[in-house]
Protein backbone atom coordinates (compact mmCIF):
# COMPACT_ATOMS: atom_id res chain seq x y z
CA UNK A 1 38.16 76.52 35.39
CA UNK A 2 35.30 77.97 33.38
CA UNK A 3 35.37 81.26 31.54
CA UNK A 4 32.22 82.81 30.12
CA UNK A 5 32.13 85.12 27.13
CA UNK A 6 29.28 86.88 25.40
CA UNK A 7 28.94 86.48 21.65
CA UNK A 8 26.26 87.89 19.40
CA UNK A 9 23.71 85.46 17.98
CA UNK A 10 22.19 85.82 14.54
CA UNK A 11 19.17 87.59 16.00
CA UNK A 12 21.37 89.97 18.01
CA UNK A 13 20.90 88.37 21.42
CA UNK A 14 24.03 87.44 23.40
CA UNK A 15 24.93 83.75 23.67
CA UNK A 16 26.71 82.75 26.86
CA UNK A 17 29.78 80.66 26.14
CA UNK A 18 31.94 78.86 28.68
CA UNK A 19 35.45 77.49 28.42
CA UNK A 20 36.63 74.36 30.21
CA UNK A 21 39.63 72.10 29.95
CA UNK A 22 39.60 68.32 29.81
CA UNK A 23 42.29 65.70 29.55
CA UNK A 24 41.97 63.18 26.73
CA UNK A 25 44.29 60.63 25.20
CA UNK A 26 46.98 62.02 22.90
CA UNK A 27 45.96 59.73 20.04
CA UNK A 28 42.31 60.79 20.34
CA UNK A 29 43.35 64.46 20.31
CA UNK A 30 45.60 63.94 17.30
CA UNK A 31 42.85 62.17 15.34
CA UNK A 32 40.31 64.81 16.38
CA UNK A 33 42.51 67.66 15.15
CA UNK A 34 43.22 65.90 11.84
CA UNK A 35 39.53 65.13 11.34
CA UNK A 36 38.49 68.73 11.97
CA UNK A 37 41.28 70.22 9.87
CA UNK A 38 40.53 67.98 6.87
CA UNK A 39 36.86 68.93 6.98
CA UNK A 40 37.21 72.59 7.92
CA UNK A 41 35.31 72.12 11.20
CA UNK A 42 36.00 74.35 14.19
CA UNK A 43 36.97 72.41 17.30
CA UNK A 44 34.42 74.15 19.52
CA UNK A 45 31.57 73.48 17.08
CA UNK A 46 32.45 69.79 16.81
CA UNK A 47 32.77 69.35 20.59
CA UNK A 48 29.53 71.21 21.33
CA UNK A 49 27.58 69.15 18.79
CA UNK A 50 29.14 65.90 20.05
CA UNK A 51 28.16 66.72 23.64
CA UNK A 52 24.59 67.59 22.61
CA UNK A 53 24.31 64.37 20.61
CA UNK A 54 25.63 62.26 23.48
CA UNK A 55 23.26 63.92 25.97
CA UNK A 56 20.28 63.26 23.70
CA UNK A 57 21.35 59.64 23.27
CA UNK A 58 21.73 59.11 27.03
CA UNK A 59 18.36 60.76 27.73
CA UNK A 60 16.75 58.49 25.14
CA UNK A 61 18.28 55.45 26.87
CA UNK A 62 16.77 56.63 30.17
CA UNK A 63 13.37 57.16 28.52
CA UNK A 64 13.44 53.66 27.03
CA UNK A 65 14.36 52.17 30.40
CA UNK A 66 11.53 54.12 32.07
CA UNK A 67 9.13 52.93 29.37
CA UNK A 68 10.14 49.30 29.88
CA UNK A 69 9.87 49.63 33.65
CA UNK A 70 6.54 51.46 33.69
CA UNK A 71 4.95 49.35 30.96
CA UNK A 72 4.34 46.67 33.59
CA UNK A 73 2.21 49.16 35.54
CA UNK A 74 0.14 50.18 32.52
CA UNK A 75 -2.62 47.71 33.36
CA UNK A 76 -3.35 49.45 36.64
CA UNK A 77 -3.43 52.93 35.09
CA UNK A 78 -6.67 54.92 35.04
CA UNK A 79 -7.82 57.29 32.27
CA UNK A 80 -6.52 60.83 32.68
CA UNK A 81 -10.06 62.28 32.71
CA UNK A 82 -10.99 60.00 35.61
CA UNK A 83 -7.88 61.10 37.47
CA UNK A 84 -8.80 64.76 36.96
CA UNK A 85 -12.39 64.20 38.13
CA UNK A 86 -11.03 62.59 41.27
CA UNK A 87 -9.00 65.71 41.92
CA UNK A 88 -11.93 68.01 41.15
CA UNK A 89 -10.37 69.19 37.90
CA UNK A 90 -13.28 68.39 35.55
């Protein structure tokens, strides 16, 4: 279940926040709590940053795969200006 709250940002605009529950291994949770406590890190900050980092990493993997796949088609590509002229754009 998600719960949304409004918090004030530095510039005074509200930031939508959502709450959700997940199940993780007890040992992972224990290590996570110890790690955050020893470093003075808030759980929510750590989790949010970890999710952002993982999303960026996965998107980069997809981009690299697309690049490798489309690189084979590069030889048949036409210049962008030629493409636009063909569409009546230039």
